Amino acid sequence: MGAIILRLDRVMADRKISLKDLSDKVGVSNVNLSKMKTGKISAIRFSTLKAICEALNCQPGDILEYDPTVPDEED
């Protein structure tokens, strides 16, 4: 089965925004955003995803990607 890949790092780089600045705009701790940025999370709240999309002026699909060729860690 495939895996969901987080592309938050790529979108942040495209928007030239730091982790601290995004944290301030979204209201999520640096630690939690860092985990998201590195893909070390297993879930995300829709309210957090919405806030990130608003802060980065992007769509959820810009941040989340499904790759059927990558094995899921739970498999």
N, C-alpha and C. Protein backbone atom coordinates (compact mmCIF):
# COMPACT_ATOMS: atom_id res chain seq x y z
N MET A 1 0.83 -1.18 0.00
CA MET A 1 0.00 0.00 0.00
C MET A 1 0.88 1.24 0.00
N GLY A 2 0.37 2.34 -0.49
CA GLY A 2 1.13 3.58 -0.61
C GLY A 2 1.20 4.35 0.69
N ALA A 3 1.80 5.53 0.59
CA ALA A 3 1.98 6.38 1.77
C ALA A 3 1.63 7.83 1.44
N ILE A 4 1.19 8.55 2.47
CA ILE A 4 0.97 9.98 2.37
C ILE A 4 2.30 10.65 2.70
N ILE A 5 2.75 11.53 1.81
CA ILE A 5 4.01 12.23 1.99
C ILE A 5 3.71 13.71 2.24
N LEU A 6 4.32 14.25 3.27
CA LEU A 6 4.14 15.66 3.60
C LEU A 6 5.17 16.49 2.84
N ARG A 7 4.69 17.52 2.17
CA ARG A 7 5.56 18.40 1.39
C ARG A 7 5.60 19.81 1.98
N LEU A 8 5.39 19.91 3.29
CA LEU A 8 5.37 21.22 3.93
C LEU A 8 6.71 21.93 3.74
N ASP A 9 7.81 21.20 3.82
CA ASP A 9 9.13 21.82 3.65
C ASP A 9 9.26 22.48 2.29
N ARG A 10 8.76 21.83 1.26
CA ARG A 10 8.85 22.37 -0.10
C ARG A 10 8.00 23.63 -0.25
N VAL A 11 6.78 23.60 0.29
CA VAL A 11 5.90 24.76 0.19
C VAL A 11 6.47 25.93 0.99
N MET A 12 7.01 25.64 2.16
CA MET A 12 7.64 26.70 2.96
C MET A 12 8.82 27.32 2.21
N ALA A 13 9.62 26.51 1.58
CA ALA A 13 10.77 27.02 0.82
C ALA A 13 10.30 27.87 -0.35
N ASP A 14 9.26 27.41 -1.05
CA ASP A 14 8.71 28.18 -2.17
C ASP A 14 8.21 29.54 -1.71
N ARG A 15 7.62 29.57 -0.51
CA ARG A 15 7.05 30.82 0.02
C ARG A 15 8.07 31.64 0.81
N LYS A 16 9.27 31.06 0.97
CA LYS A 16 10.35 31.71 1.73
C LYS A 16 9.89 32.13 3.12
N ILE A 17 9.31 31.17 3.84
CA ILE A 17 8.83 31.42 5.20
C ILE A 17 9.55 30.48 6.16
N SER A 18 9.96 31.02 7.28
CA SER A 18 10.66 30.20 8.28
C SER A 18 9.67 29.44 9.14
N LEU A 19 10.19 28.45 9.83
CA LEU A 19 9.38 27.66 10.74
C LEU A 19 8.79 28.55 11.83
N LYS A 20 9.60 29.47 12.36
CA LYS A 20 9.12 30.36 13.41
C LYS A 20 8.01 31.28 12.90
N ASP A 21 8.18 31.84 11.71
CA ASP A 21 7.15 32.72 11.16
C ASP A 21 5.85 31.96 10.90
N LEU A 22 5.96 30.75 10.37
CA LEU A 22 4.75 29.96 10.14
C LEU A 22 4.10 29.58 11.46
N SER A 23 4.90 29.23 12.43
CA SER A 23 4.39 28.90 13.76
C SER A 23 3.61 30.08 14.34
N ASP A 24 4.15 31.27 14.22
CA ASP A 24 3.47 32.47 14.73
C ASP A 24 2.15 32.71 14.01
N LYS A 25 2.13 32.52 12.69
CA LYS A 25 0.91 32.77 11.91
C LYS A 25 -0.17 31.72 12.17
N VAL A 26 0.25 30.47 12.37
CA VAL A 26 -0.69 29.36 12.47
C VAL A 26 -1.12 29.10 13.91
N GLY A 27 -0.25 29.44 14.86
CA GLY A 27 -0.56 29.17 16.26
C GLY A 27 -0.29 27.74 16.66
N VAL A 28 0.68 27.12 15.99
CA VAL A 28 1.10 25.75 16.30
C VAL A 28 2.57 25.84 16.71
N SER A 29 2.97 25.06 17.70
CA SER A 29 4.33 25.15 18.21
C SER A 29 5.36 24.79 17.14
N ASN A 30 6.57 25.34 17.32
CA ASN A 30 7.67 25.02 16.42
C ASN A 30 7.93 23.52 16.38
N VAL A 31 7.84 22.88 17.54
CA VAL A 31 8.10 21.44 17.63
C VAL A 31 7.12 20.66 16.76
N ASN A 32 5.83 20.97 16.88
CA ASN A 32 4.83 20.25 16.09
C ASN A 32 4.97 20.54 14.60
N LEU A 33 5.25 21.78 14.24
CA LEU A 33 5.45 22.10 12.81
C LEU A 33 6.71 21.42 12.28
N SER A 34 7.74 21.34 13.10
CA SER A 34 8.96 20.66 12.69
C SER A 34 8.69 19.18 12.41
N LYS A 35 7.89 18.55 13.26
CA LYS A 35 7.52 17.15 13.03
C LYS A 35 6.74 17.00 11.73
N MET A 36 5.86 17.96 11.45
CA MET A 36 5.11 17.92 10.20
C MET A 36 6.06 18.10 9.02
N LYS A 37 6.96 19.04 9.17
CA LYS A 37 7.91 19.35 8.08
C LYS A 37 8.76 18.14 7.73
N THR A 38 9.13 17.36 8.73
CA THR A 38 9.98 16.19 8.49
C THR A 38 9.18 14.90 8.26
N GLY A 39 7.84 15.01 8.31
CA GLY A 39 7.00 13.84 8.04
C GLY A 39 6.90 12.88 9.20
N LYS A 40 7.19 13.32 10.40
CA LYS A 40 7.18 12.43 11.56
C LYS A 40 5.87 12.51 12.34
N ILE A 41 4.77 12.65 11.62
CA ILE A 41 3.45 12.66 12.25
C ILE A 41 2.59 11.60 11.58
N SER A 42 1.54 11.18 12.27
CA SER A 42 0.65 10.19 11.69
C SER A 42 -0.75 10.75 11.46
N ALA A 43 -0.98 11.97 11.92
CA ALA A 43 -2.30 12.58 11.75
C ALA A 43 -2.15 14.10 11.79
N ILE A 44 -3.12 14.77 11.20
CA ILE A 44 -3.16 16.23 11.23
C ILE A 44 -4.62 16.66 11.35
N ARG A 45 -4.88 17.60 12.20
CA ARG A 45 -6.24 18.12 12.35
C ARG A 45 -6.58 18.99 11.15
N PHE A 46 -7.83 18.93 10.73
CA PHE A 46 -8.27 19.77 9.63
C PHE A 46 -8.11 21.24 9.96
N SER A 47 -8.32 21.62 11.22
CA SER A 47 -8.17 23.03 11.60
C SER A 47 -6.72 23.48 11.44
N THR A 48 -5.77 22.60 11.74
CA THR A 48 -4.36 22.92 11.55
C THR A 48 -4.02 23.01 10.07
N LEU A 49 -4.51 22.06 9.30
CA LEU A 49 -4.28 22.07 7.86
C LEU A 49 -4.86 23.32 7.23
N LYS A 50 -6.05 23.70 7.65
CA LYS A 50 -6.69 24.92 7.14
C LYS A 50 -5.86 26.15 7.47
N ALA A 51 -5.38 26.25 8.71
CA ALA A 51 -4.58 27.40 9.12
C ALA A 51 -3.26 27.47 8.34
N ILE A 52 -2.64 26.32 8.10
CA ILE A 52 -1.40 26.29 7.32
C ILE A 52 -1.67 26.74 5.89
N CYS A 53 -2.75 26.24 5.31
CA CYS A 53 -3.09 26.61 3.93
C CYS A 53 -3.38 28.11 3.83
N GLU A 54 -4.06 28.65 4.83
CA GLU A 54 -4.34 30.09 4.82
C GLU A 54 -3.05 30.89 4.94
N ALA A 55 -2.15 30.47 5.83
CA ALA A 55 -0.89 31.19 6.05
C ALA A 55 0.03 31.11 4.83
N LEU A 56 0.02 29.97 4.14
CA LEU A 56 0.90 29.78 2.98
C LEU A 56 0.22 30.06 1.64
N ASN A 57 -1.08 30.40 1.71
CA ASN A 57 -1.85 30.65 0.48
C ASN A 57 -1.70 29.48 -0.49
N CYS A 58 -2.07 28.29 0.00
CA CYS A 58 -1.94 27.08 -0.81
C CYS A 58 -3.15 26.18 -0.59
N GLN A 59 -3.17 25.08 -1.29
CA GLN A 59 -4.21 24.07 -1.17
C GLN A 59 -3.67 22.88 -0.39
N PRO A 60 -4.54 22.09 0.27
CA PRO A 60 -4.06 20.91 0.99
C PRO A 60 -3.23 19.98 0.10
N GLY A 61 -3.59 19.88 -1.16
CA GLY A 61 -2.85 19.02 -2.09
C GLY A 61 -1.43 19.50 -2.36
N ASP A 62 -1.15 20.77 -2.04
CA ASP A 62 0.22 21.27 -2.17
C ASP A 62 1.10 20.74 -1.05
N ILE A 63 0.48 20.39 0.07
CA ILE A 63 1.21 19.94 1.26
C ILE A 63 1.20 18.42 1.40
N LEU A 64 0.09 17.79 1.01
CA LEU A 64 -0.07 16.34 1.14
C LEU A 64 -0.03 15.68 -0.23
N GLU A 65 0.71 14.60 -0.32
CA GLU A 65 0.82 13.87 -1.58
C GLU A 65 0.70 12.38 -1.31
N TYR A 66 -0.04 11.68 -2.14
CA TYR A 66 -0.15 10.22 -2.01
C TYR A 66 0.76 9.58 -3.05
N ASP A 67 1.65 8.70 -2.60
CA ASP A 67 2.54 7.98 -3.50
C ASP A 67 2.30 6.49 -3.32
N PRO A 68 1.68 5.86 -4.31
CA PRO A 68 1.35 4.44 -4.18
C PRO A 68 2.60 3.53 -4.23
N THR A 69 3.73 4.07 -4.64
CA THR A 69 4.94 3.24 -4.75
C THR A 69 5.76 3.20 -3.46
N VAL A 70 5.46 4.09 -2.54
CA VAL A 70 6.20 4.13 -1.27
C VAL A 70 5.46 3.29 -0.24
N PRO A 71 6.15 2.32 0.35
CA PRO A 71 5.47 1.50 1.37
C PRO A 71 5.15 2.32 2.61
N ASP A 72 3.95 2.14 3.11
CA ASP A 72 3.53 2.80 4.33
C ASP A 72 4.27 2.17 5.50
N GLU A 73 4.68 3.00 6.48
CA GLU A 73 5.41 2.48 7.63
C GLU A 73 4.59 1.49 8.43
N GLU A 74 3.26 1.54 8.31
CA GLU A 74 2.39 0.64 9.05
C GLU A 74 2.22 -0.70 8.36
N ASP A 75 2.64 -0.79 7.09
CA ASP A 75 2.50 -2.05 6.33
C ASP A 75 3.48 -3.08 6.82
